Amino acid sequence: MKAALGLVLTLSACVGTSTTPTNRDAVPAAVWDRVPASTPLEELLQGPDGCFWYLRHGPLETVWVPVRDGETIPVCDPPRPRPDDV
């Protein structure tokens, strides 16, 4: 029983509970226009590659997921060329 409790407490320490809400002023308007309405944007950040990521809270894990537009192209600033533009 004590081992199970210790395991639960150890694993719960791995999950970050404090996050910073997205500052809409820090994200270009062109980015907001490309993000699908179904994307949860409470926690959004721009990665070193220039693309935007959001925090998805699943039943088993919390992971950063790339924001993709309606055509499944990553949303980046500056925008990346689309595959048909190459």
PDB file of N, CA and C in Angstrom:
ATOM      1  N   MET A   1       0.825  -1.193   0.000  1.00  0.00           N
ATOM      2  CA  MET A   1       0.000   0.000   0.000  1.00  0.00           C
ATOM      3  C   MET A   1       0.865   1.251   0.000  1.00  0.00           C
ATOM      4  N   LYS A   2       1.902   1.275   0.860  1.00  0.00           N
ATOM      5  CA  LYS A   2       2.775   2.442   0.921  1.00  0.00           C
ATOM      6  C   LYS A   2       3.530   2.629  -0.393  1.00  0.00           C
ATOM      7  N   ALA A   3       3.898   1.507  -1.018  1.00  0.00           N
ATOM      8  CA  ALA A   3       4.611   1.597  -2.298  1.00  0.00           C
ATOM      9  C   ALA A   3       3.712   2.205  -3.369  1.00  0.00           C
ATOM     10  N   ALA A   4       2.448   1.806  -3.389  1.00  0.00           N
ATOM     11  CA  ALA A   4       1.504   2.341  -4.374  1.00  0.00           C
ATOM     12  C   ALA A   4       1.288   3.833  -4.152  1.00  0.00           C
ATOM     13  N   LEU A   5       1.159   4.244  -2.906  1.00  0.00           N
ATOM     14  CA  LEU A   5       0.977   5.664  -2.601  1.00  0.00           C
ATOM     15  C   LEU A   5       2.208   6.456  -3.021  1.00  0.00           C
ATOM     16  N   GLY A   6       3.384   5.903  -2.764  1.00  0.00           N
ATOM     17  CA  GLY A   6       4.618   6.569  -3.167  1.00  0.00           C
ATOM     18  C   GLY A   6       4.715   6.708  -4.673  1.00  0.00           C
ATOM     19  N   LEU A   7       4.281   5.680  -5.394  1.00  0.00           N
ATOM     20  CA  LEU A   7       4.293   5.726  -6.857  1.00  0.00           C
ATOM     21  C   LEU A   7       3.347   6.800  -7.376  1.00  0.00           C
ATOM     22  N   VAL A   8       2.155   6.877  -6.816  1.00  0.00           N
ATOM     23  CA  VAL A   8       1.179   7.895  -7.232  1.00  0.00           C
ATOM     24  C   VAL A   8       1.727   9.296  -6.969  1.00  0.00           C
ATOM     25  N   LEU A   9       2.310   9.512  -5.818  1.00  0.00           N
ATOM     26  CA  LEU A   9       2.854  10.832  -5.499  1.00  0.00           C
ATOM     27  C   LEU A   9       4.029  11.179  -6.406  1.00  0.00           C
ATOM     28  N   THR A  10       4.862  10.208  -6.717  1.00  0.00           N
ATOM     29  CA  THR A  10       6.002  10.447  -7.606  1.00  0.00           C
ATOM     30  C   THR A  10       5.523  10.803  -9.002  1.00  0.00           C
ATOM     31  N   LEU A  11       4.566  10.050  -9.533  1.00  0.00           N
ATOM     32  CA  LEU A  11       4.065  10.323 -10.876  1.00  0.00           C
ATOM     33  C   LEU A  11       3.309  11.641 -10.948  1.00  0.00           C
ATOM     34  N   SER A  12       2.597  11.998  -9.907  1.00  0.00           N
ATOM     35  CA  SER A  12       1.856  13.254  -9.933  1.00  0.00           C
ATOM     36  C   SER A  12       2.801  14.450  -9.935  1.00  0.00           C
ATOM     37  N   ALA A  13       4.003  14.275  -9.417  1.00  0.00           N
ATOM     38  CA  ALA A  13       4.978  15.357  -9.425  1.00  0.00           C
ATOM     39  C   ALA A  13       5.486  15.636 -10.833  1.00  0.00           C
ATOM     40  N   CYS A  14       5.327  14.682 -11.745  1.00  0.00           N
ATOM     41  CA  CYS A  14       5.802  14.847 -13.124  1.00  0.00           C
ATOM     42  C   CYS A  14       4.887  15.742 -13.949  1.00  0.00           C
ATOM     43  N   VAL A  15       3.665  15.909 -13.524  1.00  0.00           N
ATOM     44  CA  VAL A  15       2.702  16.693 -14.284  1.00  0.00           C
ATOM     45  C   VAL A  15       2.713  18.126 -13.788  1.00  0.00           C
ATOM     46  N   GLY A  16       3.001  19.066 -14.694  1.00  0.00           N
ATOM     47  CA  GLY A  16       2.979  20.474 -14.317  1.00  0.00           C
ATOM     48  C   GLY A  16       1.555  20.966 -14.208  1.00  0.00           C
ATOM     49  N   THR A  17       1.244  21.636 -13.137  1.00  0.00           N
ATOM     50  CA  THR A  17      -0.118  22.123 -12.964  1.00  0.00           C
ATOM     51  C   THR A  17      -0.221  23.629 -13.149  1.00  0.00           C
ATOM     52  N   SER A  18       0.906  24.322 -13.102  1.00  0.00           N
ATOM     53  CA  SER A  18       0.827  25.768 -13.267  1.00  0.00           C
ATOM     54  C   SER A  18       1.283  26.135 -14.676  1.00  0.00           C
ATOM     55  N   THR A  19       0.389  26.747 -15.415  1.00  0.00           N
ATOM     56  CA  THR A  19       0.701  27.190 -16.770  1.00  0.00           C
ATOM     57  C   THR A  19       0.297  28.647 -16.905  1.00  0.00           C
ATOM     58  N   THR A  20       0.896  29.301 -17.858  1.00  0.00           N
ATOM     59  CA  THR A  20       0.607  30.703 -18.099  1.00  0.00           C
ATOM     60  C   THR A  20      -0.374  30.828 -19.252  1.00  0.00           C
ATOM     61  N   PRO A  21      -1.497  31.486 -19.070  1.00  0.00           N
ATOM     62  CA  PRO A  21      -2.426  31.663 -20.180  1.00  0.00           C
ATOM     63  C   PRO A  21      -1.771  32.421 -21.324  1.00  0.00           C
ATOM     64  N   THR A  22      -2.231  32.151 -22.518  1.00  0.00           N
ATOM     65  CA  THR A  22      -1.686  32.790 -23.706  1.00  0.00           C
ATOM     66  C   THR A  22      -2.010  34.277 -23.726  1.00  0.00           C
ATOM     67  N   ASN A  23      -1.000  35.073 -24.011  1.00  0.00           N
ATOM     68  CA  ASN A  23      -1.193  36.506 -24.193  1.00  0.00           C
ATOM     69  C   ASN A  23      -1.490  36.746 -25.667  1.00  0.00           C
ATOM     70  N   ARG A  24      -2.743  37.032 -25.993  1.00  0.00           N
ATOM     71  CA  ARG A  24      -3.143  37.210 -27.404  1.00  0.00           C
ATOM     72  C   ARG A  24      -2.363  38.319 -28.080  1.00  0.00           C
ATOM     73  N   ASP A  25      -1.922  39.324 -27.336  1.00  0.00           N
ATOM     74  CA  ASP A  25      -1.174  40.422 -27.945  1.00  0.00           C
ATOM     75  C   ASP A  25       0.202  39.976 -28.417  1.00  0.00           C
ATOM     76  N   ALA A  26       0.724  38.882 -27.870  1.00  0.00           N
ATOM     77  CA  ALA A  26       2.052  38.403 -28.235  1.00  0.00           C
ATOM     78  C   ALA A  26       2.031  37.527 -29.488  1.00  0.00           C
ATOM     79  N   VAL A  27       0.835  37.189 -29.970  1.00  0.00           N
ATOM     80  CA  VAL A  27       0.696  36.324 -31.147  1.00  0.00           C
ATOM     81  C   VAL A  27       0.156  37.159 -32.302  1.00  0.00           C
ATOM     82  N   PRO A  28       0.820  37.119 -33.478  1.00  0.00           N
ATOM     83  CA  PRO A  28       0.350  37.909 -34.622  1.00  0.00           C
ATOM     84  C   PRO A  28      -1.084  37.555 -35.024  1.00  0.00           C
ATOM     85  N   ALA A  29      -1.826  38.549 -35.471  1.00  0.00           N
ATOM     86  CA  ALA A  29      -3.227  38.345 -35.873  1.00  0.00           C
ATOM     87  C   ALA A  29      -3.329  37.321 -37.003  1.00  0.00           C
ATOM     88  N   ALA A  30      -2.358  37.298 -37.905  1.00  0.00           N
ATOM     89  CA  ALA A  30      -2.376  36.331 -39.011  1.00  0.00           C
ATOM     90  C   ALA A  30      -2.327  34.895 -38.494  1.00  0.00           C
ATOM     91  N   VAL A  31      -1.686  34.692 -37.360  1.00  0.00           N
ATOM     92  CA  VAL A  31      -1.639  33.353 -36.758  1.00  0.00           C
ATOM     93  C   VAL A  31      -3.015  32.988 -36.229  1.00  0.00           C
ATOM     94  N   TRP A  32      -3.665  33.896 -35.508  1.00  0.00           N
ATOM     95  CA  TRP A  32      -4.999  33.619 -34.957  1.00  0.00           C
ATOM     96  C   TRP A  32      -5.984  33.295 -36.072  1.00  0.00           C
ATOM     97  N   ASP A  33      -5.828  33.945 -37.228  1.00  0.00           N
ATOM     98  CA  ASP A  33      -6.752  33.721 -38.344  1.00  0.00           C
ATOM     99  C   ASP A  33      -6.626  32.307 -38.918  1.00  0.00           C
ATOM    100  N   ARG A  34      -5.456  31.683 -38.783  1.00  0.00           N
ATOM    101  CA  ARG A  34      -5.224  30.350 -39.362  1.00  0.00           C
ATOM    102  C   ARG A  34      -5.518  29.203 -38.402  1.00  0.00           C
ATOM    103  N   VAL A  35      -5.710  29.504 -37.135  1.00  0.00           N
ATOM    104  CA  VAL A  35      -5.911  28.449 -36.131  1.00  0.00           C
ATOM    105  C   VAL A  35      -7.369  27.997 -36.137  1.00  0.00           C
ATOM    106  N   PRO A  36      -7.613  26.671 -36.277  1.00  0.00           N
ATOM    107  CA  PRO A  36      -8.996  26.180 -36.245  1.00  0.00           C
ATOM    108  C   PRO A  36      -9.663  26.475 -34.899  1.00  0.00           C
ATOM    109  N   ALA A  37     -10.956  26.702 -34.940  1.00  0.00           N
ATOM    110  CA  ALA A  37     -11.712  27.046 -33.726  1.00  0.00           C
ATOM    111  C   ALA A  37     -11.682  25.930 -32.692  1.00  0.00           C
ATOM    112  N   SER A  38     -11.450  24.692 -33.111  1.00  0.00           N
ATOM    113  CA  SER A  38     -11.465  23.567 -32.177  1.00  0.00           C
ATOM    114  C   SER A  38     -10.162  23.427 -31.384  1.00  0.00           C
ATOM    115  N   THR A  39      -9.151  24.231 -31.704  1.00  0.00           N
ATOM    116  CA  THR A  39      -7.866  24.141 -31.014  1.00  0.00           C
ATOM    117  C   THR A  39      -7.949  24.856 -29.670  1.00  0.00           C
ATOM    118  N   PRO A  40      -7.624  24.157 -28.558  1.00  0.00           N
ATOM    119  CA  PRO A  40      -7.633  24.825 -27.259  1.00  0.00           C
ATOM    120  C   PRO A  40      -6.431  25.769 -27.156  1.00  0.00           C
ATOM    121  N   LEU A  41      -6.686  27.041 -26.971  1.00  0.00           N
ATOM    122  CA  LEU A  41      -5.610  28.031 -27.034  1.00  0.00           C
ATOM    123  C   LEU A  41      -5.290  28.684 -25.698  1.00  0.00           C
ATOM    124  N   GLU A  42      -5.692  28.043 -24.609  1.00  0.00           N
ATOM    125  CA  GLU A  42      -5.393  28.625 -23.307  1.00  0.00           C
ATOM    126  C   GLU A  42      -3.886  28.661 -23.065  1.00  0.00           C
ATOM    127  N   GLU A  43      -3.181  27.655 -23.584  1.00  0.00           N
ATOM    128  CA  GLU A  43      -1.736  27.555 -23.390  1.00  0.00           C
ATOM    129  C   GLU A  43      -1.082  27.360 -24.745  1.00  0.00           C
ATOM    130  N   LEU A  44      -0.602  28.438 -25.310  1.00  0.00           N
ATOM    131  CA  LEU A  44      -0.031  28.454 -26.651  1.00  0.00           C
ATOM    132  C   LEU A  44       1.339  29.091 -26.575  1.00  0.00           C
ATOM    133  N   LEU A  45       2.310  28.506 -27.278  1.00  0.00           N
ATOM    134  CA  LEU A  45       3.626  29.120 -27.308  1.00  0.00           C
ATOM    135  C   LEU A  45       4.244  28.935 -28.677  1.00  0.00           C
ATOM    136  N   GLN A  46       5.222  29.799 -28.974  1.00  0.00           N
ATOM    137  CA  GLN A  46       5.950  29.705 -30.231  1.00  0.00           C
ATOM    138  C   GLN A  46       7.286  29.031 -29.943  1.00  0.00           C
ATOM    139  N   GLY A  47       7.554  27.949 -30.659  1.00  0.00           N
ATOM    140  CA  GLY A  47       8.784  27.202 -30.464  1.00  0.00           C
ATOM    141  C   GLY A  47       9.961  27.867 -31.159  1.00  0.00           C
ATOM    142  N   PRO A  48      11.162  27.347 -30.925  1.00  0.00           N
ATOM    143  CA  PRO A  48      12.361  27.920 -31.556  1.00  0.00           C
ATOM    144  C   PRO A  48      12.350  27.793 -33.076  1.00  0.00           C
ATOM    145  N   ASP A  49      11.515  26.893 -33.609  1.00  0.00           N
ATOM    146  CA  ASP A  49      11.410  26.733 -35.057  1.00  0.00           C
ATOM    147  C   ASP A  49      10.462  27.749 -35.681  1.00  0.00           C
ATOM    148  N   GLY A  50       9.830  28.605 -34.867  1.00  0.00           N
ATOM    149  CA  GLY A  50       8.897  29.614 -35.364  1.00  0.00           C
ATOM    150  C   GLY A  50       7.458  29.127 -35.424  1.00  0.00           C
ATOM    151  N   CYS A  51       7.237  27.840 -35.182  1.00  0.00           N
ATOM    152  CA  CYS A  51       5.882  27.277 -35.236  1.00  0.00           C
ATOM    153  C   CYS A  51       5.235  27.321 -33.854  1.00  0.00           C
ATOM    154  N   PHE A  52       3.900  27.338 -33.845  1.00  0.00           N
ATOM    155  CA  PHE A  52       3.148  27.439 -32.596  1.00  0.00           C
ATOM    156  C   PHE A  52       2.712  26.060 -32.121  1.00  0.00           C
ATOM    157  N   TRP A  53       2.676  25.903 -30.794  1.00  0.00           N
ATOM    158  CA  TRP A  53       2.325  24.657 -30.128  1.00  0.00           C
ATOM    159  C   TRP A  53       1.300  24.959 -29.046  1.00  0.00           C
ATOM    160  N   TYR A  54       0.397  23.999 -28.786  1.00  0.00           N
ATOM    161  CA  TYR A  54      -0.550  24.155 -27.682  1.00  0.00           C
ATOM    162  C   TYR A  54      -0.443  22.957 -26.753  1.00  0.00           C
ATOM    163  N   LEU A  55      -0.837  23.162 -25.518  1.00  0.00           N
ATOM    164  CA  LEU A  55      -0.764  22.113 -24.507  1.00  0.00           C
ATOM    165  C   LEU A  55      -2.076  21.335 -24.494  1.00  0.00           C
ATOM    166  N   ARG A  56      -1.984  20.039 -24.808  1.00  0.00           N
ATOM    167  CA  ARG A  56      -3.169  19.176 -24.829  1.00  0.00           C
ATOM    168  C   ARG A  56      -3.166  18.313 -23.574  1.00  0.00           C
ATOM    169  N   HIS A  57      -4.246  18.395 -22.821  1.00  0.00           N
ATOM    170  CA  HIS A  57      -4.406  17.609 -21.596  1.00  0.00           C
ATOM    171  C   HIS A  57      -5.225  16.366 -21.930  1.00  0.00           C
ATOM    172  N   GLY A  58      -4.563  15.229 -22.027  1.00  0.00           N
ATOM    173  CA  GLY A  58      -5.241  13.972 -22.315  1.00  0.00           C
ATOM    174  C   GLY A  58      -5.547  13.217 -21.040  1.00  0.00           C
ATOM    175  N   PRO A  59      -6.200  12.066 -21.167  1.00  0.00           N
ATOM    176  CA  PRO A  59      -6.552  11.287 -19.976  1.00  0.00           C
ATOM    177  C   PRO A  59      -5.333  10.674 -19.281  1.00  0.00           C
ATOM    178  N   LEU A  60      -4.254  10.435 -20.035  1.00  0.00           N
ATOM    179  CA  LEU A  60      -3.080   9.803 -19.453  1.00  0.00           C
ATOM    180  C   LEU A  60      -1.853  10.701 -19.409  1.00  0.00           C
ATOM    181  N   GLU A  61      -1.801  11.688 -20.291  1.00  0.00           N
ATOM    182  CA  GLU A  61      -0.605  12.524 -20.345  1.00  0.00           C
ATOM    183  C   GLU A  61      -0.950  13.923 -20.849  1.00  0.00           C
ATOM    184  N   THR A  62      -0.064  14.839 -20.569  1.00  0.00           N
ATOM    185  CA  THR A  62      -0.180  16.205 -21.064  1.00  0.00           C
ATOM    186  C   THR A  62       1.008  16.437 -21.977  1.00  0.00           C
ATOM    187  N   VAL A  63       0.740  16.806 -23.233  1.00  0.00           N
ATOM    188  CA  VAL A  63       1.809  16.952 -24.216  1.00  0.00           C
ATOM    189  C   VAL A  63       1.629  18.228 -25.030  1.00  0.00           C
ATOM    190  N   TRP A  64       2.746  18.740 -25.543  1.00  0.00           N
ATOM    191  CA  TRP A  64       2.706  19.874 -26.468  1.00  0.00           C
ATOM    192  C   TRP A  64       2.464  19.332 -27.871  1.00  0.00           C
ATOM    193  N   VAL A  65       1.503  19.922 -28.582  1.00  0.00           N
ATOM    194  CA  VAL A  65       1.085  19.469 -29.908  1.00  0.00           C
ATOM    195  C   VAL A  65       1.195  20.657 -30.862  1.00  0.00           C
ATOM    196  N   PRO A  66       1.693  20.429 -32.092  1.00  0.00           N
ATOM    197  CA  PRO A  66       1.785  21.551 -33.037  1.00  0.00           C
ATOM    198  C   PRO A  66       0.394  22.042 -33.451  1.00  0.00           C
ATOM    199  N   VAL A  67       0.255  23.349 -33.552  1.00  0.00           N
ATOM    200  CA  VAL A  67      -0.985  23.945 -34.052  1.00  0.00           C
ATOM    201  C   VAL A  67      -0.962  23.796 -35.566  1.00  0.00           C
ATOM    202  N   ARG A  68      -2.040  23.266 -36.126  1.00  0.00           N
ATOM    203  CA  ARG A  68      -2.139  23.072 -37.576  1.00  0.00           C
ATOM    204  C   ARG A  68      -3.397  23.755 -38.086  1.00  0.00           C
ATOM    205  N   ASP A  69      -3.301  24.296 -39.304  1.00  0.00           N
ATOM    206  CA  ASP A  69      -4.462  24.966 -39.884  1.00  0.00           C
ATOM    207  C   ASP A  69      -5.442  23.927 -40.435  1.00  0.00           C
ATOM    208  N   GLY A  70      -6.478  24.383 -41.103  1.00  0.00           N
ATOM    209  CA  GLY A  70      -7.507  23.492 -41.628  1.00  0.00           C
ATOM    210  C   GLY A  70      -6.999  22.517 -42.672  1.00  0.00           C
ATOM    211  N   GLU A  71      -5.840  22.793 -43.261  1.00  0.00           N
ATOM    212  CA  GLU A  71      -5.252  21.902 -44.259  1.00  0.00           C
ATOM    213  C   GLU A  71      -4.119  21.075 -43.659  1.00  0.00           C
ATOM    214  N   THR A  72      -4.013  21.027 -42.341  1.00  0.00           N
ATOM    215  CA  THR A  72      -3.009  20.293 -41.558  1.00  0.00           C
ATOM    216  C   THR A  72      -1.584  20.804 -41.765  1.00  0.00           C
ATOM    217  N   ILE A  73      -1.437  22.047 -42.165  1.00  0.00           N
ATOM    218  CA  ILE A  73      -0.126  22.673 -42.303  1.00  0.00           C
ATOM    219  C   ILE A  73       0.210  23.334 -40.961  1.00  0.00           C
ATOM    220  N   PRO A  74       1.442  23.144 -40.430  1.00  0.00           N
ATOM    221  CA  PRO A  74       1.799  23.808 -39.170  1.00  0.00           C
ATOM    222  C   PRO A  74       1.667  25.331 -39.273  1.00  0.00           C
ATOM    223  N   VAL A  75       1.174  25.931 -38.202  1.00  0.00           N
ATOM    224  CA  VAL A  75       1.010  27.382 -38.144  1.00  0.00           C
ATOM    225  C   VAL A  75       2.310  27.967 -37.587  1.00  0.00           C
ATOM    226  N   CYS A  76       3.011  28.736 -38.420  1.00  0.00           N
ATOM    227  CA  CYS A  76       4.310  29.295 -38.051  1.00  0.00           C
ATOM    228  C   CYS A  76       4.353  30.786 -38.367  1.00  0.00           C
ATOM    229  N   ASP A  77       5.269  31.480 -37.738  1.00  0.00           N
ATOM    230  CA  ASP A  77       5.502  32.894 -38.025  1.00  0.00           C
ATOM    231  C   ASP A  77       7.011  33.114 -38.072  1.00  0.00           C
ATOM    232  N   PRO A  78       7.591  33.358 -39.229  1.00  0.00           N
ATOM    233  CA  PRO A  78       6.941  33.572 -40.524  1.00  0.00           C
ATOM    234  C   PRO A  78       6.356  32.275 -41.079  1.00  0.00           C
ATOM    235  N   PRO A  79       5.334  32.403 -41.933  1.00  0.00           N
ATOM    236  CA  PRO A  79       4.686  31.211 -42.487  1.00  0.00           C
ATOM    237  C   PRO A  79       5.680  30.380 -43.305  1.00  0.00           C
ATOM    238  N   ARG A  80       5.490  29.089 -43.254  1.00  0.00           N
ATOM    239  CA  ARG A  80       6.305  28.179 -44.053  1.00  0.00           C
ATOM    240  C   ARG A  80       5.638  27.989 -45.410  1.00  0.00           C
ATOM    241  N   PRO A  81       6.437  27.687 -46.449  1.00  0.00           N
ATOM    242  CA  PRO A  81       5.807  27.438 -47.746  1.00  0.00           C
ATOM    243  C   PRO A  81       4.934  26.180 -47.701  1.00  0.00           C
ATOM    244  N   ARG A  82       3.820  26.252 -48.378  1.00  0.00           N
ATOM    245  CA  ARG A  82       2.930  25.091 -48.454  1.00  0.00           C
ATOM    246  C   ARG A  82       3.540  24.084 -49.433  1.00  0.00           C
ATOM    247  N   PRO A  83       3.244  22.784 -49.254  1.00  0.00           N
ATOM    248  CA  PRO A  83       3.836  21.770 -50.127  1.00  0.00           C
ATOM    249  C   PRO A  83       3.568  22.006 -51.601  1.00  0.00           C
ATOM    250  N   ASP A  84       2.404  22.567 -51.947  1.00  0.00           N
ATOM    251  CA  ASP A  84       2.091  22.818 -53.361  1.00  0.00           C
ATOM    252  C   ASP A  84       2.790  24.066 -53.894  1.00  0.00           C
ATOM    253  N   ASP A  85       3.405  24.879 -53.018  1.00  0.00           N
ATOM    254  CA  ASP A  85       4.120  26.080 -53.443  1.00  0.00           C
ATOM    255  C   ASP A  85       5.580  25.786 -53.778  1.00  0.00           C
ATOM    256  N   VAL A  86       6.054  24.618 -53.429  1.00  0.00           N
ATOM    257  CA  VAL A  86       7.466  24.298 -53.610  1.00  0.00           C
ATOM    258  C   VAL A  86       7.768  23.941 -55.038  1.00  0.00           C
TER     259      VAL A  86
END
